[in-house]
C-alpha cells in the first residue's frame, strides 16, 4: 500500500514537469528565429561595411570587419590614427550598424 501511495503522489509532479517543459519550448523558438533572421541581415550589413572598407584601402589601410547582430569589430592596419578614426566613423554611419569596436593597429613606421 505504501508503494502505491508514493507513486500516486509522484504522478502530479511528473505531469507538472511535463507541462512546464511544453510551455518553455515556445519561448526558446523566437530566440532561434531572431538568430536566423540576424544572419541574413548581418550578411547584408557586412557587404555594406566592406564597401566602406574598400574605399579605406585607397588610404593605405588594410581593414577587415566582423559583423554580429549589428555590432561591428574592425581589425587590421592603417597608416595613421586619423585614418583609423575616419574608418570607424564611416562604418558607424552605415544604416543598421549598432556599434563599432576598432582593433585596428598603426602600420609600423618605415
Protein backbone atom coordinates (compact mmCIF):
# COMPACT_ATOMS: atom_id res chain seq x y z
CA UNK A 1 0.00 0.00 0.00
CA UNK A 2 2.85 2.39 0.84
CA UNK A 3 4.43 1.94 -2.66
CA UNK A 4 1.11 2.82 -4.28
CA UNK A 5 0.78 5.93 -2.16
CA UNK A 6 4.29 7.16 -3.04
CA UNK A 7 3.74 6.50 -6.74
CA UNK A 8 0.39 8.25 -6.66
CA UNK A 9 2.00 11.33 -5.09
CA UNK A 10 4.66 11.47 -7.82
CA UNK A 11 2.25 11.43 -10.76
CA UNK A 12 1.06 15.06 -10.35
CA UNK A 13 4.68 16.21 -10.09
CA UNK A 14 5.55 14.40 -13.32
CA UNK A 15 2.62 16.00 -15.13
CA UNK A 16 3.59 19.42 -13.81
CA UNK A 17 7.14 18.93 -15.09
CA UNK A 18 5.88 17.82 -18.50
CA UNK A 19 3.58 20.80 -18.88
CA UNK A 20 6.39 23.14 -17.80
CA UNK A 21 8.66 21.69 -20.48
CA UNK A 22 5.96 22.15 -23.11
CA UNK A 23 5.47 25.77 -22.06
CA UNK A 24 9.18 26.58 -22.11
CA UNK A 25 9.79 25.36 -25.67
CA UNK A 26 7.85 28.12 -27.47
CA UNK A 27 9.78 30.76 -25.52
CA UNK A 28 13.07 29.48 -26.96
CA UNK A 29 11.77 29.32 -30.52
CA UNK A 30 11.63 33.11 -31.04
CA UNK A 31 15.27 33.41 -29.92
CA UNK A 32 16.29 30.87 -32.56
CA UNK A 33 14.18 32.70 -35.12
CA UNK A 34 15.79 36.02 -34.19
CA UNK A 35 19.24 34.46 -34.64
CA UNK A 36 18.28 33.01 -38.02
CA UNK A 37 16.87 36.37 -39.08
CA UNK A 38 20.02 38.17 -37.91
CA UNK A 39 22.30 36.10 -40.15
CA UNK A 40 20.99 37.48 -43.49
CA UNK A 41 20.81 40.99 -42.02
CA UNK A 42 24.42 40.67 -40.83
CA UNK A 43 25.46 39.41 -44.27
CA UNK A 44 23.92 42.45 -45.96
CA UNK A 45 25.36 44.76 -43.33
CA UNK A 46 28.76 43.14 -43.81
CA UNK A 47 28.53 43.77 -47.54
CA UNK A 48 27.81 47.46 -46.95
CA UNK A 49 30.61 47.76 -44.39
CA UNK A 50 33.03 46.11 -46.84
CA UNK A 51 32.17 48.77 -49.41
CA UNK A 52 33.31 51.40 -46.90
CA UNK A 53 36.47 49.40 -46.15
CA UNK A 54 37.26 49.12 -49.88
CA UNK A 55 37.39 52.92 -50.00
CA UNK A 56 39.62 52.90 -46.91
CA UNK A 57 42.08 50.68 -48.79
CA UNK A 58 42.76 53.68 -51.03
CA UNK A 59 44.16 55.41 -47.92
CA UNK A 60 46.60 52.56 -47.40
CA UNK A 61 44.52 50.78 -44.77
CA UNK A 62 44.04 47.02 -44.70
CA UNK A 63 40.96 46.57 -42.51
CA UNK A 64 38.52 43.69 -42.15
CA UNK A 65 35.18 43.62 -40.35
CA UNK A 66 33.22 41.04 -38.43
CA UNK A 67 29.50 41.74 -38.02
CA UNK A 68 27.25 40.15 -35.41
CA UNK A 69 23.73 41.44 -34.70
CA UNK A 70 24.67 44.89 -35.98
CA UNK A 71 27.85 45.12 -33.89
CA UNK A 72 30.99 45.59 -35.99
CA UNK A 73 34.55 44.73 -34.95
CA UNK A 74 37.28 46.19 -37.14
CA UNK A 75 40.76 44.66 -37.30
CA UNK A 76 43.82 45.21 -39.46
CA UNK A 77 46.23 48.06 -40.04
CA UNK A 78 46.06 51.72 -41.09
CA UNK A 79 48.74 54.33 -41.81
CA UNK A 80 47.62 56.86 -39.15
CA UNK A 81 45.43 57.35 -36.12
CA UNK A 82 43.41 59.80 -38.19
CA UNK A 83 42.72 57.09 -40.77
CA UNK A 84 41.65 54.65 -38.03
CA UNK A 85 39.23 57.21 -36.59
CA UNK A 86 37.87 58.11 -40.01
CA UNK A 87 37.27 54.47 -40.94
CA UNK A 88 35.44 53.78 -37.67
CA UNK A 89 33.33 56.92 -38.16
CA UNK A 90 32.40 55.99 -41.74
CA UNK A 91 31.47 52.43 -40.70
CA UNK A 92 29.31 53.77 -37.86
CA UNK A 93 27.28 55.74 -40.44
CA UNK A 94 26.22 52.58 -42.31
CA UNK A 95 22.49 52.08 -41.65
CA UNK A 96 21.96 49.14 -39.28
CA UNK A 97 25.31 49.40 -37.50
CA UNK A 98 24.66 49.48 -33.75
CA UNK A 99 28.26 49.77 -32.54
CA UNK A 100 31.81 49.82 -33.88
CA UNK A 101 34.80 48.49 -31.97
CA UNK A 102 38.16 49.18 -33.55
CA UNK A 103 41.09 46.83 -33.06
CA UNK A 104 42.96 48.42 -35.97
CA UNK A 105 46.70 48.93 -35.43
CA UNK A 106 49.00 51.57 -36.85
CA UNK A 107 51.30 50.47 -39.63
CA UNK A 108 54.91 50.39 -38.46
CA UNK A 109 56.86 53.50 -39.39
CA UNK A 110 59.43 52.94 -42.02
